[in-house]
């Protein structure tokens, strides 16, 4: 493709670019309630002096895909539910919700519950809070209900999200 042809095609895309809603790995939908499918669960450990303790921080990242065929703007988009051992209370809360109200008795059991979340269809609440410490806004995700468990295939181009 010639540079001139590229420039012409690029200029023709300006309006579409201006109207596009930005999203990416850390995109979140607007505050509200959504039906989602857990498509992936990743975990790891981060060793950093940022906590001041020198202790490793465990982390989990559940990837949620919105399943809302009535709202094309968000249907099929994914957003994260990050968890960290810096906030064990949040890990306990989410693992209890995923375990239908049964509280994990150990960090190992909570990890197993989080690992088993893949394929669960969840009703979640996305909400924004403002930190009292630094005044920054943070996006939060809480589980309202487990709707069902289904087999989940990674979303690919031309592969629509499963019906709710």
C-alpha atoms as a PDB file:
ATOM      1  CA  UNK A   1       0.000   0.000   0.000  1.00  0.00           C
ATOM      2  CA  UNK A   2       1.420   3.341  -0.950  1.00  0.00           C
ATOM      3  CA  UNK A   3       1.923   6.024   1.660  1.00  0.00           C
ATOM      4  CA  UNK A   4      -0.574   8.296  -0.118  1.00  0.00           C
ATOM      5  CA  UNK A   5      -3.263   5.602  -0.170  1.00  0.00           C
ATOM      6  CA  UNK A   6      -2.638   4.913   3.519  1.00  0.00           C
ATOM      7  CA  UNK A   7      -2.912   8.623   4.376  1.00  0.00           C
ATOM      8  CA  UNK A   8      -6.186   8.927   2.438  1.00  0.00           C
ATOM      9  CA  UNK A   9      -7.667   5.876   4.158  1.00  0.00           C
ATOM     10  CA  UNK A  10      -6.477   7.182   7.531  1.00  0.00           C
ATOM     11  CA  UNK A  11      -8.116  10.578   6.950  1.00  0.00           C
ATOM     12  CA  UNK A  12     -11.407   8.847   6.106  1.00  0.00           C
ATOM     13  CA  UNK A  13     -11.387   7.135   9.520  1.00  0.00           C
ATOM     14  CA  UNK A  14     -11.214  10.288  11.672  1.00  0.00           C
ATOM     15  CA  UNK A  15     -14.932  10.505  12.518  1.00  0.00           C
ATOM     16  CA  UNK A  16     -15.159   6.819  13.406  1.00  0.00           C
ATOM     17  CA  UNK A  17     -12.001   7.190  15.527  1.00  0.00           C
ATOM     18  CA  UNK A  18     -13.440  10.202  17.391  1.00  0.00           C
ATOM     19  CA  UNK A  19     -16.664   8.335  18.196  1.00  0.00           C
ATOM     20  CA  UNK A  20     -15.003   5.080  19.280  1.00  0.00           C
ATOM     21  CA  UNK A  21     -15.204   4.199  22.966  1.00  0.00           C
ATOM     22  CA  UNK A  22     -11.786   3.455  24.411  1.00  0.00           C
ATOM     23  CA  UNK A  23     -11.252   0.033  25.969  1.00  0.00           C
ATOM     24  CA  UNK A  24      -8.374  -2.333  26.631  1.00  0.00           C
ATOM     25  CA  UNK A  25      -6.957  -4.685  29.255  1.00  0.00           C
ATOM     26  CA  UNK A  26      -8.019  -2.415  32.110  1.00  0.00           C
ATOM     27  CA  UNK A  27     -11.293  -1.206  30.588  1.00  0.00           C
ATOM     28  CA  UNK A  28     -14.381  -1.350  32.776  1.00  0.00           C
ATOM     29  CA  UNK A  29     -18.008  -0.842  31.782  1.00  0.00           C
ATOM     30  CA  UNK A  30     -20.007   2.000  33.298  1.00  0.00           C
ATOM     31  CA  UNK A  31     -21.185   1.518  36.873  1.00  0.00           C
ATOM     32  CA  UNK A  32     -24.071  -0.945  36.953  1.00  0.00           C
ATOM     33  CA  UNK A  33     -25.085  -4.599  36.991  1.00  0.00           C
ATOM     34  CA  UNK A  34     -23.916  -6.995  34.254  1.00  0.00           C
ATOM     35  CA  UNK A  35     -24.256 -10.680  33.391  1.00  0.00           C
ATOM     36  CA  UNK A  36     -20.749 -11.993  32.753  1.00  0.00           C
ATOM     37  CA  UNK A  37     -18.883 -15.223  32.082  1.00  0.00           C
ATOM     38  CA  UNK A  38     -15.516 -15.919  33.740  1.00  0.00           C
ATOM     39  CA  UNK A  39     -13.349 -16.675  30.701  1.00  0.00           C
ATOM     40  CA  UNK A  40      -9.928 -16.852  32.326  1.00  0.00           C
ATOM     41  CA  UNK A  41      -8.223 -16.980  35.711  1.00  0.00           C
ATOM     42  CA  UNK A  42      -4.578 -16.005  36.039  1.00  0.00           C
ATOM     43  CA  UNK A  43      -2.494 -15.891  39.184  1.00  0.00           C
ATOM     44  CA  UNK A  44       1.023 -15.127  40.220  1.00  0.00           C
ATOM     45  CA  UNK A  45       3.325 -13.666  42.792  1.00  0.00           C
ATOM     46  CA  UNK A  46       5.005 -10.287  42.800  1.00  0.00           C
ATOM     47  CA  UNK A  47       8.010  -9.577  44.966  1.00  0.00           C
ATOM     48  CA  UNK A  48       8.345  -5.873  45.576  1.00  0.00           C
ATOM     49  CA  UNK A  49       9.465  -3.483  48.243  1.00  0.00           C
ATOM     50  CA  UNK A  50       6.449  -1.308  47.420  1.00  0.00           C
ATOM     51  CA  UNK A  51       4.583  -2.788  50.393  1.00  0.00           C
ATOM     52  CA  UNK A  52       7.510  -1.952  52.659  1.00  0.00           C
ATOM     53  CA  UNK A  53       7.529  -5.454  54.105  1.00  0.00           C
ATOM     54  CA  UNK A  54       9.551  -7.199  51.417  1.00  0.00           C
ATOM     55  CA  UNK A  55       6.916  -9.939  51.507  1.00  0.00           C
ATOM     56  CA  UNK A  56       5.666 -11.403  48.229  1.00  0.00           C
ATOM     57  CA  UNK A  57       2.206 -10.336  47.103  1.00  0.00           C
ATOM     58  CA  UNK A  58      -0.052 -13.009  45.633  1.00  0.00           C
ATOM     59  CA  UNK A  59      -2.440 -11.907  42.899  1.00  0.00           C
ATOM     60  CA  UNK A  60      -5.337 -13.309  40.899  1.00  0.00           C
ATOM     61  CA  UNK A  61      -6.975 -11.797  37.834  1.00  0.00           C
ATOM     62  CA  UNK A  62     -10.353 -13.116  36.727  1.00  0.00           C
ATOM     63  CA  UNK A  63     -11.325 -12.032  33.219  1.00  0.00           C
ATOM     64  CA  UNK A  64     -15.054 -11.385  32.834  1.00  0.00           C
ATOM     65  CA  UNK A  65     -16.840 -11.210  29.475  1.00  0.00           C
ATOM     66  CA  UNK A  66     -20.142  -9.322  29.334  1.00  0.00           C
ATOM     67  CA  UNK A  67     -23.030 -11.403  27.992  1.00  0.00           C
ATOM     68  CA  UNK A  68     -25.704  -8.861  27.049  1.00  0.00           C
ATOM     69  CA  UNK A  69     -27.079  -9.239  23.525  1.00  0.00           C
ATOM     70  CA  UNK A  70     -29.472  -6.338  24.166  1.00  0.00           C
ATOM     71  CA  UNK A  71     -26.554  -3.916  24.615  1.00  0.00           C
ATOM     72  CA  UNK A  72     -24.238  -4.116  21.602  1.00  0.00           C
ATOM     73  CA  UNK A  73     -22.024  -1.392  23.064  1.00  0.00           C
ATOM     74  CA  UNK A  74     -20.719  -3.724  25.795  1.00  0.00           C
ATOM     75  CA  UNK A  75     -21.719  -7.244  24.670  1.00  0.00           C
ATOM     76  CA  UNK A  76     -18.647  -9.458  24.344  1.00  0.00           C
ATOM     77  CA  UNK A  77     -16.248  -6.949  25.919  1.00  0.00           C
ATOM     78  CA  UNK A  78     -14.022  -8.165  28.709  1.00  0.00           C
ATOM     79  CA  UNK A  79     -12.844  -6.556  31.911  1.00  0.00           C
ATOM     80  CA  UNK A  80     -10.738  -7.709  34.878  1.00  0.00           C
ATOM     81  CA  UNK A  81     -11.587  -8.590  38.446  1.00  0.00           C
ATOM     82  CA  UNK A  82      -8.189  -8.195  40.132  1.00  0.00           C
ATOM     83  CA  UNK A  83      -7.536  -9.618  43.603  1.00  0.00           C
ATOM     84  CA  UNK A  84      -4.457  -9.429  45.811  1.00  0.00           C
ATOM     85  CA  UNK A  85      -3.146 -10.805  49.089  1.00  0.00           C
ATOM     86  CA  UNK A  86      -2.747  -7.161  50.122  1.00  0.00           C
ATOM     87  CA  UNK A  87      -6.533  -7.299  50.588  1.00  0.00           C
ATOM     88  CA  UNK A  88      -7.292 -10.758  51.989  1.00  0.00           C
ATOM     89  CA  UNK A  89     -10.772  -9.591  52.999  1.00  0.00           C
ATOM     90  CA  UNK A  90     -11.660  -9.023  49.325  1.00  0.00           C
ATOM     91  CA  UNK A  91     -10.208 -12.446  48.383  1.00  0.00           C
ATOM     92  CA  UNK A  92     -12.326 -14.081  51.123  1.00  0.00           C
ATOM     93  CA  UNK A  93     -15.439 -12.191  50.009  1.00  0.00           C
ATOM     94  CA  UNK A  94     -15.095 -13.110  46.317  1.00  0.00           C
ATOM     95  CA  UNK A  95     -14.181 -16.749  47.051  1.00  0.00           C
ATOM     96  CA  UNK A  96     -17.227 -17.016  49.379  1.00  0.00           C
ATOM     97  CA  UNK A  97     -19.486 -15.614  46.649  1.00  0.00           C
ATOM     98  CA  UNK A  98     -18.025 -18.050  44.097  1.00  0.00           C
ATOM     99  CA  UNK A  99     -18.502 -20.898  46.596  1.00  0.00           C
ATOM    100  CA  UNK A 100     -22.235 -20.134  47.077  1.00  0.00           C
ATOM    101  CA  UNK A 101     -21.811 -18.625  50.544  1.00  0.00           C
ATOM    102  CA  UNK A 102     -19.372 -21.166  51.964  1.00  0.00           C
ATOM    103  CA  UNK A 103     -16.332 -19.413  53.449  1.00  0.00           C
ATOM    104  CA  UNK A 104     -12.895 -20.780  52.536  1.00  0.00           C
ATOM    105  CA  UNK A 105     -10.995 -21.970  55.617  1.00  0.00           C
ATOM    106  CA  UNK A 106      -7.538 -21.290  54.162  1.00  0.00           C
ATOM    107  CA  UNK A 107      -5.753 -19.281  51.502  1.00  0.00           C
ATOM    108  CA  UNK A 108      -5.150 -22.555  49.638  1.00  0.00           C
ATOM    109  CA  UNK A 109      -8.881 -23.324  49.575  1.00  0.00           C
ATOM    110  CA  UNK A 110      -9.661 -19.764  48.406  1.00  0.00           C
ATOM    111  CA  UNK A 111      -7.120 -20.230  45.597  1.00  0.00           C
ATOM    112  CA  UNK A 112      -8.820 -23.482  44.522  1.00  0.00           C
ATOM    113  CA  UNK A 113     -12.219 -21.741  44.491  1.00  0.00           C
ATOM    114  CA  UNK A 114     -10.848 -18.894  42.361  1.00  0.00           C
ATOM    115  CA  UNK A 115      -9.219 -21.384  39.970  1.00  0.00           C
ATOM    116  CA  UNK A 116     -12.565 -23.194  39.582  1.00  0.00           C
ATOM    117  CA  UNK A 117     -14.379 -19.968  38.607  1.00  0.00           C
ATOM    118  CA  UNK A 118     -13.692 -20.415  34.881  1.00  0.00           C
ATOM    119  CA  UNK A 119     -17.000 -20.946  33.079  1.00  0.00           C
ATOM    120  CA  UNK A 120     -19.220 -19.563  35.825  1.00  0.00           C
ATOM    121  CA  UNK A 121     -21.919 -17.146  34.721  1.00  0.00           C
ATOM    122  CA  UNK A 122     -22.087 -14.320  37.231  1.00  0.00           C
ATOM    123  CA  UNK A 123     -24.253 -11.315  37.849  1.00  0.00           C
ATOM    124  CA  UNK A 124     -21.768  -8.650  38.938  1.00  0.00           C
ATOM    125  CA  UNK A 125     -21.949  -5.081  40.118  1.00  0.00           C
ATOM    126  CA  UNK A 126     -19.371  -2.588  38.802  1.00  0.00           C
ATOM    127  CA  UNK A 127     -19.014   0.519  40.942  1.00  0.00           C
ATOM    128  CA  UNK A 128     -16.605   3.399  41.498  1.00  0.00           C
ATOM    129  CA  UNK A 129     -15.174   4.437  44.858  1.00  0.00           C
ATOM    130  CA  UNK A 130     -12.941   7.350  45.815  1.00  0.00           C
ATOM    131  CA  UNK A 131      -9.964   6.744  48.093  1.00  0.00           C
ATOM    132  CA  UNK A 132      -9.953   8.732  51.329  1.00  0.00           C
ATOM    133  CA  UNK A 133      -6.133   8.556  51.306  1.00  0.00           C
ATOM    134  CA  UNK A 134      -5.291   9.928  47.873  1.00  0.00           C
ATOM    135  CA  UNK A 135      -8.616  11.049  46.382  1.00  0.00           C
ATOM    136  CA  UNK A 136      -8.183   8.750  43.352  1.00  0.00           C
ATOM    137  CA  UNK A 137     -11.119   6.881  41.906  1.00  0.00           C
ATOM    138  CA  UNK A 138     -11.042   3.092  41.688  1.00  0.00           C
ATOM    139  CA  UNK A 139     -13.285   0.684  39.784  1.00  0.00           C
ATOM    140  CA  UNK A 140     -14.558  -2.238  41.825  1.00  0.00           C
ATOM    141  CA  UNK A 141     -16.389  -5.432  40.954  1.00  0.00           C
ATOM    142  CA  UNK A 142     -18.533  -7.457  43.335  1.00  0.00           C
ATOM    143  CA  UNK A 143     -20.448 -10.667  42.698  1.00  0.00           C
ATOM    144  CA  UNK A 144     -24.200 -10.391  43.212  1.00  0.00           C
ATOM    145  CA  UNK A 145     -25.154 -13.915  42.148  1.00  0.00           C
ATOM    146  CA  UNK A 146     -23.951 -17.075  40.405  1.00  0.00           C
ATOM    147  CA  UNK A 147     -26.387 -17.740  37.578  1.00  0.00           C
ATOM    148  CA  UNK A 148     -24.964 -21.003  36.218  1.00  0.00           C
ATOM    149  CA  UNK A 149     -21.827 -22.800  35.125  1.00  0.00           C
ATOM    150  CA  UNK A 150     -21.121 -23.279  31.439  1.00  0.00           C
ATOM    151  CA  UNK A 151     -18.278 -24.426  29.249  1.00  0.00           C
ATOM    152  CA  UNK A 152     -16.389 -21.361  28.055  1.00  0.00           C
ATOM    153  CA  UNK A 153     -14.432 -21.084  24.847  1.00  0.00           C
ATOM    154  CA  UNK A 154     -12.174 -18.071  24.385  1.00  0.00           C
ATOM    155  CA  UNK A 155     -13.965 -15.347  22.431  1.00  0.00           C
ATOM    156  CA  UNK A 156     -12.637 -15.006  18.896  1.00  0.00           C
ATOM    157  CA  UNK A 157     -13.556 -12.829  15.961  1.00  0.00           C
ATOM    158  CA  UNK A 158     -16.858 -14.113  14.605  1.00  0.00           C
ATOM    159  CA  UNK A 159     -17.481 -16.278  17.691  1.00  0.00           C
ATOM    160  CA  UNK A 160     -20.396 -14.633  19.562  1.00  0.00           C
ATOM    161  CA  UNK A 161     -20.686 -14.781  23.338  1.00  0.00           C
ATOM    162  CA  UNK A 162     -22.923 -17.574  24.667  1.00  0.00           C
ATOM    163  CA  UNK A 163     -26.637 -16.841  25.038  1.00  0.00           C
ATOM    164  CA  UNK A 164     -27.766 -15.928  28.568  1.00  0.00           C
END
